[in-house]
């Protein structure tokens, strides 16, 4: 296999992995909304009336891990995209990732990536906010219980913290190409993998 064929195969493999990550993100979002709706609907039953405020927060158990998963998939895809941009595409004479990165850096443009991450974070945040508000409504409508009030307050504060934190993580994972570029260049050099200095190697030869 020639060097060019190897680069093409590598390019196709990595692009395929990015597409798979995109599919996983879409599936995670759909499953998240479905699971949140089922959990919320189940929690509206009369048998949970005494703990209705807390049960209303139950969908957050699904929403927050979904945010974490989406952020990790975005980070993986952007690391791949950065590698393709600086080490693979130049050798193939294409520049899709470079052009897209230029668009991301142009603050005068509303890039697809910004709209994509904002729509995801806003959707998940709205679902989480709805659960918190409904929990508050159910708590105010029920007979006052200090344990429920205290538990709801603490759970809501923690939930809001993680919802906001993970929203920034999702956005940051998609728009942190400068960091990934520096990391890749530290590992493989500015133009490709460089042989490591024997003196810098910590490997011990086998006896």
N, C-alpha and C. Protein backbone atom coordinates (compact mmCIF):
# COMPACT_ATOMS: atom_id res chain seq x y z
N UNK A 1 0.85 -1.19 0.00
CA UNK A 1 0.00 0.00 0.00
C UNK A 1 0.88 1.25 0.00
N UNK A 2 0.61 2.19 -0.92
CA UNK A 2 1.40 3.42 -0.98
C UNK A 2 1.05 4.33 0.18
N UNK A 3 1.91 5.33 0.41
CA UNK A 3 1.65 6.29 1.49
C UNK A 3 0.33 7.02 1.27
N UNK A 4 0.05 7.35 0.02
CA UNK A 4 -1.20 8.07 -0.27
C UNK A 4 -2.41 7.19 0.02
N UNK A 5 -2.33 5.91 -0.36
CA UNK A 5 -3.44 4.99 -0.08
C UNK A 5 -3.64 4.83 1.43
N UNK A 6 -2.53 4.80 2.16
CA UNK A 6 -2.62 4.67 3.61
C UNK A 6 -3.29 5.90 4.22
N UNK A 7 -2.96 7.09 3.70
CA UNK A 7 -3.57 8.31 4.21
C UNK A 7 -5.06 8.36 3.89
N UNK A 8 -5.42 7.91 2.69
CA UNK A 8 -6.83 7.88 2.32
C UNK A 8 -7.60 6.93 3.23
N UNK A 9 -7.02 5.75 3.50
CA UNK A 9 -7.67 4.78 4.37
C UNK A 9 -7.81 5.34 5.78
N UNK A 10 -6.76 6.01 6.25
CA UNK A 10 -6.81 6.62 7.58
C UNK A 10 -7.87 7.71 7.63
N UNK A 11 -7.91 8.51 6.58
CA UNK A 11 -8.90 9.60 6.51
C UNK A 11 -10.32 9.04 6.55
N UNK A 12 -10.58 8.03 5.74
CA UNK A 12 -11.92 7.45 5.69
C UNK A 12 -12.30 6.81 7.02
N UNK A 13 -11.33 6.16 7.66
CA UNK A 13 -11.60 5.52 8.95
C UNK A 13 -11.95 6.54 10.02
N UNK A 14 -11.16 7.61 10.09
CA UNK A 14 -11.39 8.63 11.11
C UNK A 14 -12.66 9.43 10.84
N UNK A 15 -12.93 9.71 9.58
CA UNK A 15 -14.19 10.39 9.25
C UNK A 15 -15.38 9.51 9.61
N UNK A 16 -15.23 8.19 9.39
CA UNK A 16 -16.29 7.27 9.77
C UNK A 16 -16.54 7.27 11.27
N UNK A 17 -15.45 7.37 12.03
CA UNK A 17 -15.60 7.42 13.50
C UNK A 17 -16.31 8.70 13.92
N UNK A 18 -16.00 9.80 13.25
CA UNK A 18 -16.69 11.06 13.57
C UNK A 18 -18.19 10.96 13.26
N UNK A 19 -18.53 10.36 12.13
CA UNK A 19 -19.94 10.19 11.78
C UNK A 19 -20.66 9.29 12.78
N UNK A 20 -19.95 8.26 13.25
CA UNK A 20 -20.52 7.38 14.26
C UNK A 20 -20.78 8.14 15.56
N UNK A 21 -19.86 9.02 15.94
CA UNK A 21 -20.05 9.85 17.13
C UNK A 21 -21.27 10.75 16.98
N UNK A 22 -21.45 11.30 15.78
CA UNK A 22 -22.62 12.16 15.53
C UNK A 22 -23.91 11.36 15.68
N UNK A 23 -23.92 10.14 15.17
CA UNK A 23 -25.11 9.29 15.29
C UNK A 23 -25.39 8.97 16.75
N UNK A 24 -24.34 8.70 17.52
CA UNK A 24 -24.51 8.38 18.93
C UNK A 24 -25.07 9.58 19.71
N UNK A 25 -24.60 10.77 19.36
CA UNK A 25 -25.11 11.98 20.01
C UNK A 25 -26.60 12.15 19.72
N UNK A 26 -26.98 11.97 18.44
CA UNK A 26 -28.39 12.10 18.07
C UNK A 26 -29.25 11.05 18.78
N UNK A 27 -28.77 9.82 18.83
CA UNK A 27 -29.51 8.76 19.51
C UNK A 27 -29.62 9.03 21.01
N UNK A 28 -28.52 9.51 21.60
CA UNK A 28 -28.54 9.81 23.04
C UNK A 28 -29.55 10.91 23.34
N UNK A 29 -29.62 11.92 22.47
CA UNK A 29 -30.59 13.00 22.68
C UNK A 29 -32.02 12.50 22.62
N UNK A 30 -32.32 11.66 21.61
CA UNK A 30 -33.68 11.13 21.48
C UNK A 30 -34.04 10.23 22.65
N UNK A 31 -33.13 9.34 23.03
CA UNK A 31 -33.39 8.45 24.15
C UNK A 31 -33.55 9.24 25.45
N UNK A 32 -32.76 10.32 25.58
CA UNK A 32 -32.84 11.14 26.77
C UNK A 32 -34.23 11.76 26.93
N UNK A 33 -34.73 12.35 25.85
CA UNK A 33 -36.04 12.99 25.93
C UNK A 33 -37.15 11.95 26.17
N UNK A 34 -37.02 10.80 25.53
CA UNK A 34 -38.02 9.75 25.74
C UNK A 34 -38.01 9.23 27.16
N UNK A 35 -36.81 8.95 27.69
CA UNK A 35 -36.69 8.44 29.05
C UNK A 35 -37.16 9.48 30.07
N UNK A 36 -36.81 10.74 29.82
CA UNK A 36 -37.23 11.81 30.75
C UNK A 36 -38.75 11.91 30.79
N UNK A 37 -39.39 11.79 29.61
CA UNK A 37 -40.85 11.87 29.56
C UNK A 37 -41.50 10.71 30.30
N UNK A 38 -40.95 9.50 30.12
CA UNK A 38 -41.51 8.32 30.79
C UNK A 38 -41.35 8.44 32.31
N UNK A 39 -40.16 8.83 32.75
CA UNK A 39 -39.92 8.96 34.18
C UNK A 39 -40.81 10.03 34.79
N UNK A 40 -40.93 11.15 34.09
CA UNK A 40 -41.75 12.25 34.60
C UNK A 40 -43.21 11.82 34.68
N UNK A 41 -43.69 11.15 33.62
CA UNK A 41 -45.08 10.70 33.62
C UNK A 41 -45.35 9.70 34.73
N UNK A 42 -44.40 8.79 34.95
CA UNK A 42 -44.55 7.82 36.04
C UNK A 42 -44.61 8.52 37.39
N UNK A 43 -43.80 9.57 37.54
CA UNK A 43 -43.75 10.28 38.82
C UNK A 43 -44.98 11.10 39.11
N UNK A 44 -45.87 11.29 38.11
CA UNK A 44 -47.09 12.07 38.33
C UNK A 44 -48.19 11.24 38.98
N UNK A 45 -47.93 9.95 39.17
CA UNK A 45 -48.94 9.08 39.79
C UNK A 45 -49.27 9.49 41.21
N UNK A 46 -50.50 9.19 41.63
CA UNK A 46 -50.96 9.58 42.97
C UNK A 46 -50.14 8.94 44.07
N UNK A 47 -49.56 7.77 43.80
CA UNK A 47 -48.80 7.08 44.84
C UNK A 47 -47.54 7.85 45.22
N UNK A 48 -47.14 8.80 44.38
CA UNK A 48 -45.94 9.59 44.67
C UNK A 48 -46.28 11.00 45.13
N UNK A 49 -47.54 11.22 45.48
CA UNK A 49 -47.99 12.58 45.80
C UNK A 49 -47.19 13.22 46.93
N UNK A 50 -46.85 12.44 47.95
CA UNK A 50 -46.12 13.00 49.10
C UNK A 50 -44.70 13.42 48.73
N UNK A 51 -44.15 12.79 47.71
CA UNK A 51 -42.77 13.11 47.30
C UNK A 51 -42.74 13.64 45.87
N UNK A 52 -43.85 14.24 45.45
CA UNK A 52 -43.98 14.69 44.07
C UNK A 52 -42.89 15.64 43.63
N UNK A 53 -42.47 16.55 44.54
CA UNK A 53 -41.44 17.52 44.17
C UNK A 53 -40.13 16.83 43.84
N UNK A 54 -39.78 15.83 44.64
CA UNK A 54 -38.52 15.11 44.40
C UNK A 54 -38.62 14.20 43.18
N UNK A 55 -39.78 13.55 43.01
CA UNK A 55 -39.95 12.67 41.86
C UNK A 55 -39.88 13.47 40.57
N UNK A 56 -40.31 14.73 40.59
CA UNK A 56 -40.26 15.56 39.39
C UNK A 56 -38.83 15.81 38.94
N UNK A 57 -37.88 15.68 39.86
CA UNK A 57 -36.48 15.88 39.52
C UNK A 57 -35.82 14.62 38.98
N UNK A 58 -36.53 13.50 39.05
CA UNK A 58 -35.94 12.22 38.66
C UNK A 58 -35.40 12.21 37.22
N UNK A 59 -36.06 12.86 36.24
CA UNK A 59 -35.50 12.85 34.88
C UNK A 59 -34.09 13.42 34.79
N UNK A 60 -33.70 14.24 35.75
CA UNK A 60 -32.35 14.81 35.73
C UNK A 60 -31.29 13.73 35.89
N UNK A 61 -31.69 12.59 36.46
CA UNK A 61 -30.76 11.46 36.59
C UNK A 61 -30.35 10.96 35.21
N UNK A 62 -31.22 11.18 34.22
CA UNK A 62 -30.92 10.79 32.84
C UNK A 62 -30.28 11.96 32.08
N UNK A 63 -30.81 13.17 32.29
CA UNK A 63 -30.38 14.33 31.51
C UNK A 63 -28.91 14.66 31.73
N UNK A 64 -28.47 14.70 32.98
CA UNK A 64 -27.09 15.11 33.28
C UNK A 64 -26.06 14.11 32.73
N UNK A 65 -26.24 12.79 32.93
CA UNK A 65 -25.31 11.85 32.29
C UNK A 65 -25.32 11.95 30.76
N UNK A 66 -26.48 12.27 30.18
CA UNK A 66 -26.54 12.45 28.73
C UNK A 66 -25.67 13.63 28.31
N UNK A 67 -25.72 14.71 29.08
CA UNK A 67 -24.86 15.86 28.80
C UNK A 67 -23.38 15.48 28.85
N UNK A 68 -23.02 14.70 29.86
CA UNK A 68 -21.62 14.27 30.01
C UNK A 68 -21.21 13.42 28.81
N UNK A 69 -22.09 12.51 28.39
CA UNK A 69 -21.80 11.65 27.24
C UNK A 69 -21.63 12.47 25.97
N UNK A 70 -22.53 13.41 25.74
CA UNK A 70 -22.47 14.24 24.53
C UNK A 70 -21.18 15.05 24.51
N UNK A 71 -20.79 15.61 25.65
CA UNK A 71 -19.55 16.38 25.72
C UNK A 71 -18.35 15.51 25.37
N UNK A 72 -18.35 14.26 25.86
CA UNK A 72 -17.23 13.36 25.57
C UNK A 72 -17.17 13.00 24.09
N UNK A 73 -18.34 12.82 23.47
CA UNK A 73 -18.37 12.49 22.04
C UNK A 73 -17.92 13.68 21.20
N UNK A 74 -18.33 14.86 21.58
CA UNK A 74 -17.88 16.06 20.87
C UNK A 74 -16.37 16.23 20.99
N UNK A 75 -15.86 15.99 22.18
CA UNK A 75 -14.41 16.13 22.38
C UNK A 75 -13.66 15.13 21.50
N UNK A 76 -14.15 13.89 21.47
CA UNK A 76 -13.49 12.87 20.65
C UNK A 76 -13.53 13.26 19.17
N UNK A 77 -14.67 13.74 18.71
CA UNK A 77 -14.79 14.13 17.30
C UNK A 77 -13.90 15.31 16.95
N UNK A 78 -13.82 16.27 17.85
CA UNK A 78 -13.00 17.46 17.57
C UNK A 78 -11.52 17.14 17.61
N UNK A 79 -11.12 16.20 18.45
CA UNK A 79 -9.71 15.76 18.44
C UNK A 79 -9.38 15.10 17.10
N UNK A 80 -10.31 14.27 16.61
CA UNK A 80 -10.10 13.63 15.32
C UNK A 80 -10.06 14.69 14.21
N UNK A 81 -10.99 15.63 14.26
CA UNK A 81 -11.06 16.67 13.23
C UNK A 81 -9.77 17.49 13.20
N UNK A 82 -9.23 17.79 14.38
CA UNK A 82 -7.99 18.57 14.45
C UNK A 82 -6.83 17.77 13.87
N UNK A 83 -6.77 16.47 14.18
CA UNK A 83 -5.72 15.62 13.62
C UNK A 83 -5.81 15.58 12.10
N UNK A 84 -7.02 15.41 11.59
CA UNK A 84 -7.20 15.38 10.13
C UNK A 84 -6.77 16.71 9.51
N UNK A 85 -7.10 17.79 10.18
CA UNK A 85 -6.82 19.12 9.62
C UNK A 85 -5.33 19.40 9.51
N UNK A 86 -4.56 19.00 10.53
CA UNK A 86 -3.15 19.40 10.53
C UNK A 86 -2.20 18.31 10.04
N UNK A 87 -2.66 17.04 9.97
CA UNK A 87 -1.73 15.95 9.63
C UNK A 87 -2.16 15.09 8.45
N UNK A 88 -3.42 15.09 8.09
CA UNK A 88 -3.88 14.19 7.03
C UNK A 88 -4.34 14.95 5.79
N UNK A 89 -5.24 15.90 5.97
CA UNK A 89 -5.80 16.60 4.81
C UNK A 89 -4.75 17.32 3.95
N UNK A 90 -3.75 17.99 4.54
CA UNK A 90 -2.76 18.67 3.68
C UNK A 90 -2.08 17.72 2.69
N UNK A 91 -1.83 16.48 3.11
CA UNK A 91 -1.18 15.52 2.22
C UNK A 91 -2.09 14.99 1.14
N UNK A 92 -3.43 15.18 1.33
CA UNK A 92 -4.39 14.70 0.34
C UNK A 92 -4.90 15.82 -0.56
N UNK A 93 -4.48 17.04 -0.27
CA UNK A 93 -4.91 18.16 -1.09
C UNK A 93 -6.34 18.60 -0.86
N UNK A 94 -6.90 18.30 0.33
CA UNK A 94 -8.25 18.75 0.66
C UNK A 94 -8.18 19.60 1.92
N UNK A 95 -9.25 20.38 2.15
CA UNK A 95 -9.16 21.33 3.26
C UNK A 95 -10.50 21.55 3.96
N UNK A 96 -11.36 20.52 3.99
CA UNK A 96 -12.66 20.68 4.62
C UNK A 96 -12.54 21.06 6.09
N UNK A 97 -11.73 20.35 6.84
CA UNK A 97 -11.61 20.63 8.26
C UNK A 97 -10.97 22.01 8.50
N UNK A 98 -10.01 22.38 7.67
CA UNK A 98 -9.39 23.70 7.81
C UNK A 98 -10.40 24.80 7.50
N UNK A 99 -11.19 24.62 6.45
CA UNK A 99 -12.20 25.61 6.10
C UNK A 99 -13.24 25.74 7.21
N UNK A 100 -13.64 24.59 7.77
CA UNK A 100 -14.64 24.62 8.85
C UNK A 100 -14.06 25.28 10.10
N UNK A 101 -12.79 25.01 10.40
CA UNK A 101 -12.14 25.64 11.54
C UNK A 101 -12.05 27.16 11.36
N UNK A 102 -11.74 27.59 10.14
CA UNK A 102 -11.70 29.02 9.86
C UNK A 102 -13.06 29.67 10.09
N UNK A 103 -14.12 28.95 9.72
CA UNK A 103 -15.46 29.46 9.94
C UNK A 103 -15.76 29.57 11.42
N UNK A 104 -15.32 28.56 12.19
CA UNK A 104 -15.53 28.58 13.63
C UNK A 104 -14.84 29.77 14.28
N UNK A 105 -13.66 30.11 13.79
CA UNK A 105 -12.89 31.19 14.39
C UNK A 105 -13.37 32.57 13.97
N UNK A 106 -14.17 32.62 12.90
CA UNK A 106 -14.68 33.90 12.41
C UNK A 106 -15.88 34.32 13.25
N UNK A 107 -15.69 35.27 14.13
CA UNK A 107 -16.75 35.68 15.05
C UNK A 107 -17.86 36.44 14.36
N UNK A 108 -17.65 36.84 13.10
CA UNK A 108 -18.69 37.55 12.38
C UNK A 108 -19.70 36.60 11.77
N UNK A 109 -19.40 35.28 11.85
CA UNK A 109 -20.28 34.28 11.25
C UNK A 109 -20.96 33.46 12.34
N UNK A 110 -22.24 33.13 12.12
CA UNK A 110 -22.93 32.22 13.02
C UNK A 110 -22.73 30.82 12.46
N UNK A 111 -21.69 30.17 12.92
CA UNK A 111 -21.31 28.89 12.34
C UNK A 111 -22.28 27.79 12.73
N UNK A 112 -22.25 26.73 11.90
CA UNK A 112 -23.11 25.58 12.16
C UNK A 112 -22.82 24.98 13.52
N UNK A 113 -21.55 24.93 13.90
CA UNK A 113 -21.19 24.33 15.16
C UNK A 113 -21.79 25.05 16.34
N UNK A 114 -21.75 26.41 16.32
CA UNK A 114 -22.32 27.18 17.42
C UNK A 114 -23.81 26.93 17.53
N UNK A 115 -24.52 26.94 16.38
CA UNK A 115 -25.95 26.69 16.41
C UNK A 115 -26.24 25.28 16.93
N UNK A 116 -25.42 24.33 16.53
CA UNK A 116 -25.63 22.93 16.92
C UNK A 116 -25.49 22.76 18.42
N UNK A 117 -24.40 23.28 19.00
CA UNK A 117 -24.20 23.10 20.43
C UNK A 117 -25.23 23.88 21.23
N UNK A 118 -25.59 25.06 20.76
CA UNK A 118 -26.59 25.85 21.48
C UNK A 118 -27.94 25.18 21.47
N UNK A 119 -28.31 24.58 20.34
CA UNK A 119 -29.61 23.91 20.28
C UNK A 119 -29.64 22.71 21.21
N UNK A 120 -28.53 21.97 21.29
CA UNK A 120 -28.48 20.82 22.19
C UNK A 120 -28.53 21.24 23.65
N UNK A 121 -27.67 22.19 24.02
CA UNK A 121 -27.63 22.62 25.42
C UNK A 121 -28.93 23.28 25.83
N UNK A 122 -29.53 24.05 24.91
CA UNK A 122 -30.80 24.70 25.23
C UNK A 122 -31.91 23.68 25.41
N UNK A 123 -31.95 22.67 24.52
CA UNK A 123 -32.99 21.64 24.63
C UNK A 123 -32.89 20.88 25.95
N UNK A 124 -31.68 20.42 26.27
CA UNK A 124 -31.49 19.69 27.52
C UNK A 124 -31.74 20.58 28.73
N UNK A 125 -31.29 21.84 28.64
CA UNK A 125 -31.51 22.76 29.74
C UNK A 125 -32.98 23.05 29.98
N UNK A 126 -33.75 23.17 28.89
CA UNK A 126 -35.19 23.44 29.03
C UNK A 126 -35.91 22.26 29.68
N UNK A 127 -35.53 21.05 29.30
CA UNK A 127 -36.14 19.88 29.92
C UNK A 127 -35.81 19.83 31.41
N UNK A 128 -34.52 20.07 31.74
CA UNK A 128 -34.13 20.09 33.14
C UNK A 128 -34.82 21.19 33.91
N UNK A 129 -34.92 22.39 33.30
CA UNK A 129 -35.60 23.51 33.96
C UNK A 129 -37.07 23.23 34.18
N UNK A 130 -37.71 22.57 33.20
CA UNK A 130 -39.12 22.21 33.34
C UNK A 130 -39.33 21.28 34.53
N UNK A 131 -38.43 20.31 34.67
CA UNK A 131 -38.53 19.38 35.81
C UNK A 131 -38.40 20.12 37.14
N UNK A 132 -37.48 21.06 37.21
CA UNK A 132 -37.27 21.82 38.45
C UNK A 132 -38.49 22.67 38.77
N UNK A 133 -39.03 23.34 37.76
CA UNK A 133 -40.20 24.20 37.98
C UNK A 133 -41.41 23.37 38.38
N UNK A 134 -41.63 22.25 37.70
CA UNK A 134 -42.75 21.39 38.06
C UNK A 134 -42.61 20.83 39.46
N UNK A 135 -41.37 20.52 39.85
CA UNK A 135 -41.14 20.07 41.22
C UNK A 135 -41.51 21.15 42.23
N UNK A 136 -41.18 22.38 41.92
CA UNK A 136 -41.53 23.50 42.81
C UNK A 136 -43.03 23.68 42.90
N UNK A 137 -43.71 23.58 41.75
CA UNK A 137 -45.18 23.71 41.74
C UNK A 137 -45.83 22.63 42.58
N UNK A 138 -45.36 21.40 42.42
CA UNK A 138 -45.95 20.29 43.18
C UNK A 138 -45.65 20.41 44.66
N UNK A 139 -44.49 20.95 45.00
CA UNK A 139 -44.16 21.13 46.41
C UNK A 139 -45.04 22.20 47.05
N UNK A 140 -45.27 23.30 46.34
CA UNK A 140 -46.11 24.37 46.87
C UNK A 140 -47.57 23.96 46.96
N UNK A 141 -48.00 23.05 46.06
CA UNK A 141 -49.39 22.61 46.06
C UNK A 141 -49.67 21.57 47.15
N UNK A 142 -48.63 20.90 47.61
CA UNK A 142 -48.79 19.84 48.62
C UNK A 142 -48.66 20.42 50.03
N UNK A 143 -49.00 19.60 50.99
CA UNK A 143 -48.84 19.99 52.39
C UNK A 143 -47.35 20.14 52.70
N UNK A 144 -47.01 21.23 53.41
CA UNK A 144 -45.60 21.53 53.63
C UNK A 144 -44.92 20.41 54.43
N UNK A 145 -43.75 20.02 53.96
CA UNK A 145 -42.93 19.03 54.65
C UNK A 145 -41.49 19.51 54.61
N UNK A 146 -40.92 19.77 55.76
CA UNK A 146 -39.56 20.32 55.78
C UNK A 146 -38.55 19.36 55.15
N UNK A 147 -38.61 18.04 55.42
CA UNK A 147 -37.64 17.14 54.77
C UNK A 147 -37.72 17.21 53.24
N UNK A 148 -38.96 17.25 52.70
CA UNK A 148 -39.12 17.34 51.25
C UNK A 148 -38.60 18.69 50.75
N UNK A 149 -38.94 19.75 51.46
CA UNK A 149 -38.49 21.09 51.07
C UNK A 149 -36.97 21.18 51.06
N UNK A 150 -36.34 20.66 52.11
CA UNK A 150 -34.88 20.72 52.22
C UNK A 150 -34.23 19.88 51.12
N UNK A 151 -34.74 18.66 50.93
CA UNK A 151 -34.17 17.77 49.92
C UNK A 151 -34.34 18.34 48.52
N UNK A 152 -35.53 18.90 48.26
CA UNK A 152 -35.78 19.49 46.95
C UNK A 152 -34.84 20.67 46.68
N UNK A 153 -34.66 21.51 47.68
CA UNK A 153 -33.81 22.69 47.51
C UNK A 153 -32.37 22.29 47.20
N UNK A 154 -31.84 21.35 47.97
CA UNK A 154 -30.45 20.90 47.74
C UNK A 154 -30.33 20.24 46.38
N UNK A 155 -31.28 19.36 46.04
CA UNK A 155 -31.23 18.65 44.76
C UNK A 155 -31.33 19.63 43.59
N UNK A 156 -32.16 20.66 43.73
CA UNK A 156 -32.32 21.64 42.65
C UNK A 156 -31.06 22.44 42.44
N UNK A 157 -30.42 22.85 43.53
CA UNK A 157 -29.18 23.63 43.43
C UNK A 157 -28.10 22.80 42.74
N UNK A 158 -27.97 21.53 43.16
CA UNK A 158 -26.97 20.64 42.55
C UNK A 158 -27.29 20.42 41.08
N UNK A 159 -28.58 20.23 40.76
CA UNK A 159 -28.99 19.98 39.37
C UNK A 159 -28.69 21.19 38.49
N UNK A 160 -29.01 22.39 38.97
CA UNK A 160 -28.75 23.59 38.18
C UNK A 160 -27.25 23.75 37.95
N UNK A 161 -26.46 23.48 38.98
CA UNK A 161 -25.00 23.59 38.84
C UNK A 161 -24.49 22.67 37.74
N UNK A 162 -24.92 21.41 37.77
CA UNK A 162 -24.43 20.46 36.77
C UNK A 162 -25.00 20.73 35.39
N UNK A 163 -26.26 21.20 35.30
CA UNK A 163 -26.82 21.52 34.00
C UNK A 163 -26.03 22.64 33.33
N UNK A 164 -25.70 23.68 34.11
CA UNK A 164 -24.94 24.80 33.56
C UNK A 164 -23.51 24.38 33.23
N UNK A 165 -22.89 23.64 34.17
CA UNK A 165 -21.51 23.21 33.98
C UNK A 165 -21.38 22.36 32.72
N UNK A 166 -22.27 21.38 32.56
CA UNK A 166 -22.17 20.49 31.41
C UNK A 166 -22.54 21.19 30.11
N UNK A 167 -23.38 22.22 30.17
CA UNK A 167 -23.67 22.99 28.97
C UNK A 167 -22.41 23.67 28.47
N UNK A 168 -21.63 24.23 29.40
CA UNK A 168 -20.35 24.85 29.02
C UNK A 168 -19.36 23.79 28.53
N UNK A 169 -19.41 22.59 29.12
CA UNK A 169 -18.53 21.52 28.68
C UNK A 169 -18.84 21.12 27.23
N UNK A 170 -20.12 21.01 26.91
CA UNK A 170 -20.52 20.65 25.55
C UNK A 170 -20.05 21.72 24.57
N UNK A 171 -20.32 22.97 24.91
CA UNK A 171 -19.91 24.06 24.02
C UNK A 171 -18.39 24.12 23.90
N UNK A 172 -17.70 23.96 25.02
CA UNK A 172 -16.24 24.05 25.01
C UNK A 172 -15.59 22.92 24.23
N UNK A 173 -16.17 21.71 24.32
CA UNK A 173 -15.61 20.56 23.60
C UNK A 173 -15.65 20.79 22.10
N UNK A 174 -16.67 21.49 21.63
CA UNK A 174 -16.83 21.71 20.20
C UNK A 174 -16.00 22.88 19.70
N UNK A 175 -15.59 23.76 20.59
CA UNK A 175 -14.93 25.00 20.16
C UNK A 175 -13.58 25.18 20.84
N UNK A 176 -12.85 24.09 20.98
CA UNK A 176 -11.55 24.15 21.66
C UNK A 176 -10.46 23.58 20.76
N UNK A 177 -10.55 23.86 19.47
CA UNK A 177 -9.63 23.25 18.52
C UNK A 177 -8.19 23.70 18.75
N UNK A 178 -8.00 24.92 19.27
CA UNK A 178 -6.64 25.39 19.53
C UNK A 178 -5.92 24.52 20.54
N UNK A 179 -6.63 24.11 21.58
CA UNK A 179 -6.04 23.23 22.59
C UNK A 179 -5.68 21.88 21.98
N UNK A 180 -6.60 21.31 21.18
CA UNK A 180 -6.35 20.01 20.57
C UNK A 180 -5.18 20.09 19.59
N UNK A 181 -5.10 21.20 18.86
CA UNK A 181 -4.00 21.36 17.91
C UNK A 181 -2.65 21.35 18.62
N UNK A 182 -2.57 22.06 19.74
CA UNK A 182 -1.32 22.09 20.52
C UNK A 182 -0.96 20.71 21.03
N UNK A 183 -1.98 19.97 21.52
CA UNK A 183 -1.72 18.62 22.04
C UNK A 183 -1.22 17.69 20.94
N UNK A 184 -1.86 17.76 19.75
CA UNK A 184 -1.43 16.89 18.65
C UNK A 184 -0.01 17.23 18.20
N UNK A 185 0.31 18.50 18.12
CA UNK A 185 1.64 18.90 17.67
C UNK A 185 2.71 18.49 18.69
N UNK A 186 2.34 18.46 19.97
CA UNK A 186 3.29 18.00 21.00
C UNK A 186 3.57 16.52 20.83
N UNK A 187 2.58 15.78 20.34
CA UNK A 187 2.72 14.32 20.23
C UNK A 187 3.36 13.92 18.91
N UNK A 188 2.85 14.45 17.80
CA UNK A 188 3.30 13.98 16.49
C UNK A 188 4.14 15.00 15.73
N UNK A 189 4.38 16.16 16.34
CA UNK A 189 5.17 17.18 15.65
C UNK A 189 4.30 18.02 14.74
N UNK A 190 4.82 19.14 14.24
CA UNK A 190 4.01 20.05 13.43
C UNK A 190 3.63 19.51 12.06
N UNK A 191 4.39 18.57 11.53
CA UNK A 191 4.10 18.06 10.19
C UNK A 191 3.89 16.57 10.12
N UNK A 192 3.93 15.89 11.23
CA UNK A 192 3.76 14.44 11.23
C UNK A 192 4.52 13.83 12.37
N UNK A 193 4.36 12.52 12.56
CA UNK A 193 5.03 11.86 13.68
C UNK A 193 6.53 11.91 13.51
N UNK A 194 7.20 12.36 14.57
CA UNK A 194 8.65 12.46 14.56
C UNK A 194 9.24 11.34 15.40
N UNK A 195 10.36 10.80 15.01
CA UNK A 195 10.98 9.75 15.83
C UNK A 195 11.41 10.30 17.17
N UNK A 196 11.17 9.54 18.21
CA UNK A 196 11.54 9.99 19.55
C UNK A 196 13.03 9.80 19.79
N UNK A 197 13.56 10.71 20.57
CA UNK A 197 14.98 10.65 20.96
C UNK A 197 15.18 9.46 21.87
N UNK A 198 16.18 8.66 21.59
CA UNK A 198 16.45 7.52 22.46
C UNK A 198 16.71 7.95 23.89
N UNK A 199 17.34 9.10 24.03
CA UNK A 199 17.69 9.58 25.37
C UNK A 199 16.47 9.95 26.17
N UNK A 200 15.38 10.33 25.42
CA UNK A 200 14.18 10.76 26.13
C UNK A 200 13.24 9.62 26.42
N UNK A 201 13.58 8.44 25.91
CA UNK A 201 12.69 7.30 26.09
C UNK A 201 12.90 6.71 27.49
N UNK A 202 11.76 6.37 28.11
CA UNK A 202 11.81 5.76 29.44
C UNK A 202 11.70 4.26 29.39
N UNK A 203 11.68 3.71 28.16
CA UNK A 203 11.53 2.26 28.01
C UNK A 203 12.83 1.54 28.40
N UNK A 204 12.71 0.48 29.09
CA UNK A 204 13.86 -0.34 29.47
C UNK A 204 13.94 -1.56 28.59
N UNK A 205 15.05 -1.77 27.87
CA UNK A 205 15.15 -2.93 26.98
C UNK A 205 15.01 -4.23 27.76
N UNK A 206 14.43 -5.22 27.08
CA UNK A 206 14.29 -6.52 27.72
C UNK A 206 15.65 -7.17 27.84
N UNK A 207 15.82 -7.95 28.88
CA UNK A 207 17.09 -8.68 29.08
C UNK A 207 17.17 -9.82 28.09
